[in-house]
Amino acid sequence: MRYIADRRTRILLGKLGEGYRDSLVNLAEAFREAGFEVVVTELQDPEAIVRSAIQESVDHIGITILPGAEIKALGEIRRVLEREQVGDITITAGGFLEQRDVPRIKEMGAKAFFPRGTPWDNLIKWAKENIRPRVD
């Protein structure tokens, strides 16, 4: 995969579980203000999330995990990305998880985990340092 510098980085933000859509919308606005192109989705099915990521030509998927969500969906998102031959789309996760779950999240293919309450500036800094625009 080649990467280009003259295209803004595209991020798809989604959530697993119910609630807190306002926070996701506010996070999307913070990323936009930082220079990213952002797509917000309400989709929760891993297949649908990946289809949306492909259709929107995103470089990264950021998933917020809400109370009661099945975190195994992260692993399924990674498997679908690989199957669709877009495994270079990176994933991060954040939200309502215990620190003990972080190794499991990373085993499922997440590049990083951001616990609930992580300052948005930290998320944006990580994104600027770690996500690059893709070229097919």
C-alpha atoms as a PDB file:
ATOM      1  CA  MET A   1       0.000   0.000   0.000  1.00  0.00           C
ATOM      2  CA  ARG A   2       1.260   3.440  -0.878  1.00  0.00           C
ATOM      3  CA  TYR A   3       0.480   6.525   1.171  1.00  0.00           C
ATOM      4  CA  ILE A   4       0.031  10.092  -0.010  1.00  0.00           C
ATOM      5  CA  ALA A   5       0.536  13.355   1.806  1.00  0.00           C
ATOM      6  CA  ASP A   6      -1.711  15.611  -0.285  1.00  0.00           C
ATOM      7  CA  ARG A   7      -5.001  14.108   0.922  1.00  0.00           C
ATOM      8  CA  ARG A   8      -6.577  14.733   4.289  1.00  0.00           C
ATOM      9  CA  THR A   9      -6.758  11.708   6.543  1.00  0.00           C
ATOM     10  CA  ARG A  10     -10.266  10.173   6.662  1.00  0.00           C
ATOM     11  CA  ILE A  11     -11.602   8.646   9.874  1.00  0.00           C
ATOM     12  CA  LEU A  12     -14.802   6.692  10.427  1.00  0.00           C
ATOM     13  CA  LEU A  13     -16.123   7.015  13.980  1.00  0.00           C
ATOM     14  CA  GLY A  14     -18.619   4.518  15.314  1.00  0.00           C
ATOM     15  CA  LYS A  15     -19.835   2.988  18.521  1.00  0.00           C
ATOM     16  CA  LEU A  16     -20.649  -0.401  19.896  1.00  0.00           C
ATOM     17  CA  GLY A  17     -23.507  -0.333  22.378  1.00  0.00           C
ATOM     18  CA  GLU A  18     -26.285   2.129  23.026  1.00  0.00           C
ATOM     19  CA  GLY A  19     -26.169   5.766  24.095  1.00  0.00           C
ATOM     20  CA  TYR A  20     -23.791   8.718  24.073  1.00  0.00           C
ATOM     21  CA  ARG A  21     -24.154   9.744  20.426  1.00  0.00           C
ATOM     22  CA  ASP A  22     -23.604  13.401  21.380  1.00  0.00           C
ATOM     23  CA  SER A  23     -20.062  12.650  22.536  1.00  0.00           C
ATOM     24  CA  LEU A  24     -19.320  10.931  19.233  1.00  0.00           C
ATOM     25  CA  VAL A  25     -20.600  13.925  17.282  1.00  0.00           C
ATOM     26  CA  ASN A  26     -18.548  16.307  19.432  1.00  0.00           C
ATOM     27  CA  LEU A  27     -15.446  14.148  18.949  1.00  0.00           C
ATOM     28  CA  ALA A  28     -16.042  14.186  15.193  1.00  0.00           C
ATOM     29  CA  GLU A  29     -16.160  17.976  15.258  1.00  0.00           C
ATOM     30  CA  ALA A  30     -12.878  18.113  17.208  1.00  0.00           C
ATOM     31  CA  PHE A  31     -11.217  15.889  14.591  1.00  0.00           C
ATOM     32  CA  ARG A  32     -12.625  18.048  11.773  1.00  0.00           C
ATOM     33  CA  GLU A  33     -11.268  21.181  13.413  1.00  0.00           C
ATOM     34  CA  ALA A  34      -7.879  19.431  13.604  1.00  0.00           C
ATOM     35  CA  GLY A  35      -7.898  18.881   9.835  1.00  0.00           C
ATOM     36  CA  PHE A  36      -9.283  15.367   9.467  1.00  0.00           C
ATOM     37  CA  GLU A  37     -12.191  14.311   7.283  1.00  0.00           C
ATOM     38  CA  VAL A  38     -14.651  12.449   9.508  1.00  0.00           C
ATOM     39  CA  VAL A  39     -17.555  10.104   8.863  1.00  0.00           C
ATOM     40  CA  VAL A  40     -19.839   9.195  11.784  1.00  0.00           C
ATOM     41  CA  THR A  41     -21.861   6.007  11.578  1.00  0.00           C
ATOM     42  CA  GLU A  42     -24.599   4.492  13.714  1.00  0.00           C
ATOM     43  CA  LEU A  43     -23.891   1.053  12.224  1.00  0.00           C
ATOM     44  CA  GLN A  44     -22.885  -1.595  14.738  1.00  0.00           C
ATOM     45  CA  ASP A  45     -22.635  -4.726  12.617  1.00  0.00           C
ATOM     46  CA  PRO A  46     -18.957  -5.372  11.771  1.00  0.00           C
ATOM     47  CA  GLU A  47     -19.755  -6.189   8.123  1.00  0.00           C
ATOM     48  CA  ALA A  48     -21.722  -2.942   7.760  1.00  0.00           C
ATOM     49  CA  ILE A  49     -19.007  -0.897   9.470  1.00  0.00           C
ATOM     50  CA  VAL A  50     -16.373  -2.251   7.085  1.00  0.00           C
ATOM     51  CA  ARG A  51     -18.624  -1.707   4.035  1.00  0.00           C
ATOM     52  CA  SER A  52     -19.089   1.886   5.141  1.00  0.00           C
ATOM     53  CA  ALA A  53     -15.338   2.294   5.693  1.00  0.00           C
ATOM     54  CA  ILE A  54     -14.645   0.999   2.185  1.00  0.00           C
ATOM     55  CA  GLN A  55     -17.353   3.142   0.572  1.00  0.00           C
ATOM     56  CA  GLU A  56     -16.074   6.230   2.359  1.00  0.00           C
ATOM     57  CA  SER A  57     -12.408   5.423   1.558  1.00  0.00           C
ATOM     58  CA  VAL A  58     -11.350   5.897   5.157  1.00  0.00           C
ATOM     59  CA  ASP A  59      -7.868   5.411   6.526  1.00  0.00           C
ATOM     60  CA  HIS A  60      -8.896   4.567  10.068  1.00  0.00           C
ATOM     61  CA  ILE A  61     -11.840   3.302  12.124  1.00  0.00           C
ATOM     62  CA  GLY A  62     -12.286   4.623  15.653  1.00  0.00           C
ATOM     63  CA  ILE A  63     -14.778   2.661  17.760  1.00  0.00           C
ATOM     64  CA  THR A  64     -16.241   3.812  21.060  1.00  0.00           C
ATOM     65  CA  ILE A  65     -17.232   0.900  23.276  1.00  0.00           C
ATOM     66  CA  LEU A  66     -20.228   1.671  25.453  1.00  0.00           C
ATOM     67  CA  PRO A  67     -21.547  -0.227  28.489  1.00  0.00           C
ATOM     68  CA  GLY A  68     -22.934  -3.629  27.572  1.00  0.00           C
ATOM     69  CA  ALA A  69     -21.234  -3.771  24.180  1.00  0.00           C
ATOM     70  CA  GLU A  70     -19.678  -6.983  22.919  1.00  0.00           C
ATOM     71  CA  ILE A  71     -16.002  -6.150  22.420  1.00  0.00           C
ATOM     72  CA  LYS A  72     -15.522  -9.261  20.289  1.00  0.00           C
ATOM     73  CA  ALA A  73     -16.995  -7.182  17.437  1.00  0.00           C
ATOM     74  CA  LEU A  74     -13.597  -5.442  17.202  1.00  0.00           C
ATOM     75  CA  GLY A  75     -11.975  -8.704  16.228  1.00  0.00           C
ATOM     76  CA  GLU A  76     -14.698  -9.298  13.681  1.00  0.00           C
ATOM     77  CA  ILE A  77     -14.128  -5.839  12.166  1.00  0.00           C
ATOM     78  CA  ARG A  78     -10.426  -6.717  11.772  1.00  0.00           C
ATOM     79  CA  ARG A  79     -11.293 -10.095  10.176  1.00  0.00           C
ATOM     80  CA  VAL A  80     -13.685  -8.460   7.700  1.00  0.00           C
ATOM     81  CA  LEU A  81     -11.086  -5.803   6.816  1.00  0.00           C
ATOM     82  CA  GLU A  82      -8.560  -8.548   6.075  1.00  0.00           C
ATOM     83  CA  ARG A  83     -11.071 -10.571   4.061  1.00  0.00           C
ATOM     84  CA  GLU A  84     -11.958  -7.508   1.982  1.00  0.00           C
ATOM     85  CA  GLN A  85      -8.246  -6.869   1.407  1.00  0.00           C
ATOM     86  CA  VAL A  86      -8.219  -3.515   3.199  1.00  0.00           C
ATOM     87  CA  GLY A  87      -6.303  -4.689   6.234  1.00  0.00           C
ATOM     88  CA  ASP A  88      -4.234  -1.504   6.183  1.00  0.00           C
ATOM     89  CA  ILE A  89      -7.231   0.420   7.547  1.00  0.00           C
ATOM     90  CA  THR A  90      -6.259   0.818  11.183  1.00  0.00           C
ATOM     91  CA  ILE A  91      -8.558   0.545  14.190  1.00  0.00           C
ATOM     92  CA  THR A  92      -8.546   2.145  17.618  1.00  0.00           C
ATOM     93  CA  ALA A  93     -10.988   1.647  20.446  1.00  0.00           C
ATOM     94  CA  GLY A  94     -11.983   3.675  23.422  1.00  0.00           C
ATOM     95  CA  GLY A  95     -14.601   3.924  26.076  1.00  0.00           C
ATOM     96  CA  PHE A  96     -16.003   1.844  28.872  1.00  0.00           C
ATOM     97  CA  LEU A  97     -13.484  -0.947  29.362  1.00  0.00           C
ATOM     98  CA  GLU A  98     -11.304  -2.067  32.176  1.00  0.00           C
ATOM     99  CA  GLN A  99      -7.520  -1.787  31.876  1.00  0.00           C
ATOM    100  CA  ARG A 100      -7.357  -5.588  32.049  1.00  0.00           C
ATOM    101  CA  ASP A 101      -9.208  -5.723  28.697  1.00  0.00           C
ATOM    102  CA  VAL A 102      -6.536  -3.725  26.826  1.00  0.00           C
ATOM    103  CA  PRO A 103      -4.367  -6.742  25.855  1.00  0.00           C
ATOM    104  CA  ARG A 104      -7.467  -8.479  24.488  1.00  0.00           C
ATOM    105  CA  ILE A 105      -8.446  -5.356  22.514  1.00  0.00           C
ATOM    106  CA  LYS A 106      -4.974  -5.190  20.995  1.00  0.00           C
ATOM    107  CA  GLU A 107      -5.094  -8.914  20.157  1.00  0.00           C
ATOM    108  CA  MET A 108      -8.283  -8.117  18.227  1.00  0.00           C
ATOM    109  CA  GLY A 109      -6.356  -5.709  16.031  1.00  0.00           C
ATOM    110  CA  ALA A 110      -6.767  -2.329  17.717  1.00  0.00           C
ATOM    111  CA  LYS A 111      -3.636  -0.175  17.377  1.00  0.00           C
ATOM    112  CA  ALA A 112      -4.449   1.636  20.607  1.00  0.00           C
ATOM    113  CA  PHE A 113      -7.052   1.842  23.343  1.00  0.00           C
ATOM    114  CA  PHE A 114      -8.147   5.115  24.907  1.00  0.00           C
ATOM    115  CA  PRO A 115      -9.992   4.789  28.217  1.00  0.00           C
ATOM    116  CA  ARG A 116     -13.070   6.830  28.963  1.00  0.00           C
ATOM    117  CA  GLY A 117     -12.081  10.368  29.879  1.00  0.00           C
ATOM    118  CA  THR A 118      -9.027  10.547  27.616  1.00  0.00           C
ATOM    119  CA  PRO A 119      -8.651  14.205  26.588  1.00  0.00           C
ATOM    120  CA  TRP A 120      -9.571  14.769  22.957  1.00  0.00           C
ATOM    121  CA  ASP A 121      -6.246  16.530  22.403  1.00  0.00           C
ATOM    122  CA  ASN A 122      -4.522  13.218  23.217  1.00  0.00           C
ATOM    123  CA  LEU A 123      -6.693  11.398  20.657  1.00  0.00           C
ATOM    124  CA  ILE A 124      -5.949  13.975  17.988  1.00  0.00           C
ATOM    125  CA  LYS A 125      -2.227  13.931  18.757  1.00  0.00           C
ATOM    126  CA  TRP A 126      -2.165  10.132  18.449  1.00  0.00           C
ATOM    127  CA  ALA A 127      -4.091  10.296  15.169  1.00  0.00           C
ATOM    128  CA  LYS A 128      -1.745  12.885  13.677  1.00  0.00           C
ATOM    129  CA  GLU A 129       1.271  10.782  14.622  1.00  0.00           C
ATOM    130  CA  ASN A 130      -0.091   7.370  13.617  1.00  0.00           C
ATOM    131  CA  ILE A 131      -2.669   7.551  10.815  1.00  0.00           C
ATOM    132  CA  ARG A 132      -1.667   8.187   7.216  1.00  0.00           C
ATOM    133  CA  PRO A 133      -3.839   8.593   4.125  1.00  0.00           C
ATOM    134  CA  ARG A 134      -4.064   5.380   2.072  1.00  0.00           C
ATOM    135  CA  VAL A 135      -3.986   4.967  -1.683  1.00  0.00           C
ATOM    136  CA  ASP A 136      -5.485   1.918  -3.349  1.00  0.00           C
END
